[in-house]
Every structure is written in C-alpha cells, then in structure tokens.
C-alpha cells in the first residue's frame, strides 16, 4: 500500500520512506518538521491530538485496575443476565428490566457486549469506557468549534471536560 500523501517524497518526507525501507526506527528532524507542517495545515488535528493525548496520559492507568466494590458487583459481576453476554434473552431483559431502580437498556447492552468481547476481565470494561470517553471528548471539541468558531477555546473546554475529576 502506498504511504499517505503527507509522507510521500513529493511532500518532502522521502527520508521517512527510506528509513522505513531500511528498517530504521525513530523520528528524524525531517519527519518531525513534516508532521509540524501537517499540523500547521490542519490546526483542528493539532488541537484534537493534544486533547486526546492529555486524556490518554491521565487515564491510561485505569487499564490496570479491577472492578470496584461500589456497584460493579450489582451491575456486572453478580448480574446473571449481563454475565450471559449478548443473547435473545439478554436483549429482552435489557429492554424491559428495571434493575437497581433504573431502566437503562443501552448500559446493559454495552455491558453484555463487553462480556462477549472480554469475558469478565475488568481491563476490557475499562478500555471500552476509555474509548467512549475519548470519543465524547473529541465530539465535544468538534461541536464547540463548529458552534463558536474558536478552536483553542473549544480545545480548552474539551480538555476540562476530559480531565475533570468528576470522570474518575
């Protein structure tokens, strides 16, 4: 497959292609300069990358944690319909059950999908939550940018949303 246009020789990054062919790793000055040019051309990508990288740095450690004793037992580990994964009976239960005084079919279906994908490994559940949080942060950045026309103010607010301790 051809490399992306911004990595091609025509865009001034032939050195990167030669390094890849030679098996050399690492970024050289030419590659960094080319990435900066790309980010200068697409400032939204720079803002999104910055916010997403800060969010990943803040929450990456969650992948090493287990389930909590607060409510994970009620919602996941001791909940037989959720432990059964996605099934016809599980779908019917998720759409009709009022469990722990709440009706939340999308949450139940998400947990069932997590069980299908990861079993009862808490890292998978945390990974799903991290990916959803990153997607929501990016969506907020894009919506605010579209509504206000102010990229870096939008990035700041999206960063506050992403890193606020309420999300822990």
Protein backbone atom coordinates (compact mmCIF):
# COMPACT_ATOMS: atom_id res chain seq x y z
CA UNK A 1 0.00 0.00 0.00
CA UNK A 2 1.17 3.50 -0.78
CA UNK A 3 2.02 5.74 2.17
CA UNK A 4 -0.28 8.64 2.95
CA UNK A 5 0.22 11.66 0.71
CA UNK A 6 1.78 13.70 3.52
CA UNK A 7 4.51 11.06 3.92
CA UNK A 8 5.41 10.76 0.26
CA UNK A 9 8.59 12.03 -1.37
CA UNK A 10 6.55 14.73 -3.13
CA UNK A 11 5.66 16.30 0.24
CA UNK A 12 9.29 16.45 1.37
CA UNK A 13 9.37 13.33 3.50
CA UNK A 14 11.31 10.92 1.31
CA UNK A 15 13.72 10.30 4.16
CA UNK A 16 10.96 8.71 6.23
CA UNK A 17 10.18 6.26 3.44
CA UNK A 18 13.86 5.35 3.06
CA UNK A 19 14.15 4.82 6.83
CA UNK A 20 11.13 2.53 6.84
CA UNK A 21 12.58 0.50 3.96
CA UNK A 22 15.91 0.25 5.77
CA UNK A 23 14.17 -0.82 8.99
CA UNK A 24 15.42 2.18 10.97
CA UNK A 25 13.06 3.36 13.67
CA UNK A 26 12.57 6.71 15.30
CA UNK A 27 11.64 10.13 14.06
CA UNK A 28 14.27 12.31 12.47
CA UNK A 29 14.18 16.06 12.06
CA UNK A 30 12.61 15.76 8.61
CA UNK A 31 9.76 13.65 9.93
CA UNK A 32 9.10 16.00 12.84
CA UNK A 33 9.24 19.01 10.50
CA UNK A 34 6.80 17.31 8.13
CA UNK A 35 4.40 16.48 10.97
CA UNK A 36 4.56 20.10 12.12
CA UNK A 37 3.77 21.25 8.58
CA UNK A 38 0.82 18.87 8.52
CA UNK A 39 -0.42 20.10 11.90
CA UNK A 40 0.01 23.71 10.76
CA UNK A 41 -2.14 22.92 7.73
CA UNK A 42 -4.79 21.25 9.91
CA UNK A 43 -4.91 23.07 13.27
CA UNK A 44 -8.03 21.12 14.30
CA UNK A 45 -5.94 17.95 14.13
CA UNK A 46 -3.31 19.55 16.36
CA UNK A 47 -5.93 20.56 18.94
CA UNK A 48 -7.61 17.15 18.83
CA UNK A 49 -4.29 15.32 19.15
CA UNK A 50 -3.28 17.48 22.10
CA UNK A 51 -6.56 16.96 23.97
CA UNK A 52 -6.67 13.23 23.22
CA UNK A 53 -3.04 12.67 24.23
CA UNK A 54 -3.53 14.52 27.51
CA UNK A 55 -6.65 12.46 28.19
CA UNK A 56 -4.86 9.21 27.40
CA UNK A 57 -1.97 10.21 29.65
CA UNK A 58 -4.37 10.95 32.51
CA UNK A 59 -6.50 7.82 32.23
CA UNK A 60 -4.19 5.15 30.76
CA UNK A 61 -3.56 3.74 34.23
CA UNK A 62 -7.19 2.71 34.58
CA UNK A 63 -6.42 -0.34 32.46
CA UNK A 64 -4.54 -1.81 35.40
CA UNK A 65 -7.45 -1.60 37.84
CA UNK A 66 -10.05 -4.19 38.71
CA UNK A 67 -13.75 -3.91 39.35
CA UNK A 68 -14.83 -1.77 42.30
CA UNK A 69 -16.95 -2.84 45.24
CA UNK A 70 -19.17 0.22 44.82
CA UNK A 71 -21.61 -1.05 42.18
CA UNK A 72 -19.71 -3.23 39.71
CA UNK A 73 -20.93 -6.33 41.51
CA UNK A 74 -24.59 -5.29 41.13
CA UNK A 75 -24.24 -4.13 37.52
CA UNK A 76 -21.75 -6.67 36.14
CA UNK A 77 -20.04 -9.39 38.14
CA UNK A 78 -23.12 -10.70 40.01
CA UNK A 79 -25.71 -9.81 37.38
CA UNK A 80 -26.63 -13.08 35.63
CA UNK A 81 -28.28 -11.54 32.52
CA UNK A 82 -25.18 -9.37 31.93
CA UNK A 83 -22.79 -12.27 32.65
CA UNK A 84 -24.61 -14.24 29.96
CA UNK A 85 -23.45 -11.83 27.26
CA UNK A 86 -25.48 -10.83 24.23
CA UNK A 87 -28.38 -13.18 23.59
CA UNK A 88 -32.05 -13.01 22.75
CA UNK A 89 -32.99 -13.46 26.39
CA UNK A 90 -30.41 -10.86 27.42
CA UNK A 91 -31.76 -8.38 24.86
CA UNK A 92 -35.33 -8.89 26.12
CA UNK A 93 -34.14 -8.45 29.71
CA UNK A 94 -32.16 -5.29 28.88
CA UNK A 95 -35.15 -3.69 27.15
CA UNK A 96 -37.66 -4.50 29.88
CA UNK A 97 -35.85 -4.79 33.22
CA UNK A 98 -35.86 -2.14 35.91
CA UNK A 99 -32.81 -3.17 37.88
CA UNK A 100 -31.50 -1.22 40.87
CA UNK A 101 -34.38 1.23 40.39
CA UNK A 102 -33.25 2.25 36.89
CA UNK A 103 -34.22 1.39 33.34
CA UNK A 104 -31.05 1.66 31.25
CA UNK A 105 -31.12 -0.69 28.27
CA UNK A 106 -28.09 0.80 26.46
CA UNK A 107 -25.94 0.40 29.57
CA UNK A 108 -27.00 -3.25 29.93
CA UNK A 109 -26.36 -3.95 26.26
CA UNK A 110 -22.95 -2.27 26.49
CA UNK A 111 -22.02 -4.43 29.48
CA UNK A 112 -23.25 -7.54 27.67
CA UNK A 113 -21.12 -6.63 24.64
CA UNK A 114 -18.12 -6.15 26.95
CA UNK A 115 -18.71 -9.63 28.38
CA UNK A 116 -18.83 -11.03 24.84
CA UNK A 117 -15.58 -9.27 23.90
CA UNK A 118 -13.54 -9.55 27.10
CA UNK A 119 -15.28 -12.02 29.40
CA UNK A 120 -15.20 -10.68 32.94
CA UNK A 121 -11.74 -9.10 32.56
CA UNK A 122 -12.07 -5.60 34.04
CA UNK A 123 -9.39 -4.22 31.70
CA UNK A 124 -11.76 -4.68 28.77
CA UNK A 125 -14.56 -2.83 30.52
CA UNK A 126 -12.17 0.00 31.38
CA UNK A 127 -10.85 0.08 27.80
CA UNK A 128 -14.39 0.43 26.46
CA UNK A 129 -15.04 3.29 28.88
CA UNK A 130 -11.78 4.99 27.93
CA UNK A 131 -12.56 4.76 24.21
CA UNK A 132 -16.07 6.13 24.78
CA UNK A 133 -14.66 8.98 26.88
CA UNK A 134 -12.11 9.83 24.17
CA UNK A 135 -14.84 9.79 21.52
CA UNK A 136 -17.08 12.07 23.61
CA UNK A 137 -14.20 14.45 24.25
CA UNK A 138 -13.44 14.65 20.54
CA UNK A 139 -17.11 15.13 19.74
CA UNK A 140 -17.35 17.97 22.25
CA UNK A 141 -14.30 19.64 20.74
CA UNK A 142 -15.76 19.43 17.24
CA UNK A 143 -19.22 20.65 18.29
CA UNK A 144 -17.82 23.59 20.26
CA UNK A 145 -15.51 24.50 17.38
CA UNK A 146 -18.44 24.42 14.98
CA UNK A 147 -20.68 26.45 17.32
CA UNK A 148 -18.16 29.12 18.30
CA UNK A 149 -15.54 29.17 15.56
CA UNK A 150 -12.88 29.39 18.30
CA UNK A 151 -10.58 26.40 18.07
CA UNK A 152 -8.30 26.80 21.08
CA UNK A 153 -11.05 27.94 23.43
CA UNK A 154 -13.04 24.90 22.32
CA UNK A 155 -10.00 22.69 22.92
CA UNK A 156 -9.59 24.16 26.41
CA UNK A 157 -13.21 23.41 27.32
CA UNK A 158 -12.98 19.91 25.83
CA UNK A 159 -9.82 19.40 27.88
CA UNK A 160 -11.62 20.49 31.04
CA UNK A 161 -14.38 18.02 30.25
CA UNK A 162 -11.87 15.25 29.57
CA UNK A 163 -9.70 15.77 32.63
CA UNK A 164 -12.22 16.87 35.26
CA UNK A 165 -12.05 14.70 38.39
CA UNK A 166 -15.79 14.03 38.12
CA UNK A 167 -14.92 11.44 35.46
CA UNK A 168 -12.76 9.36 37.79
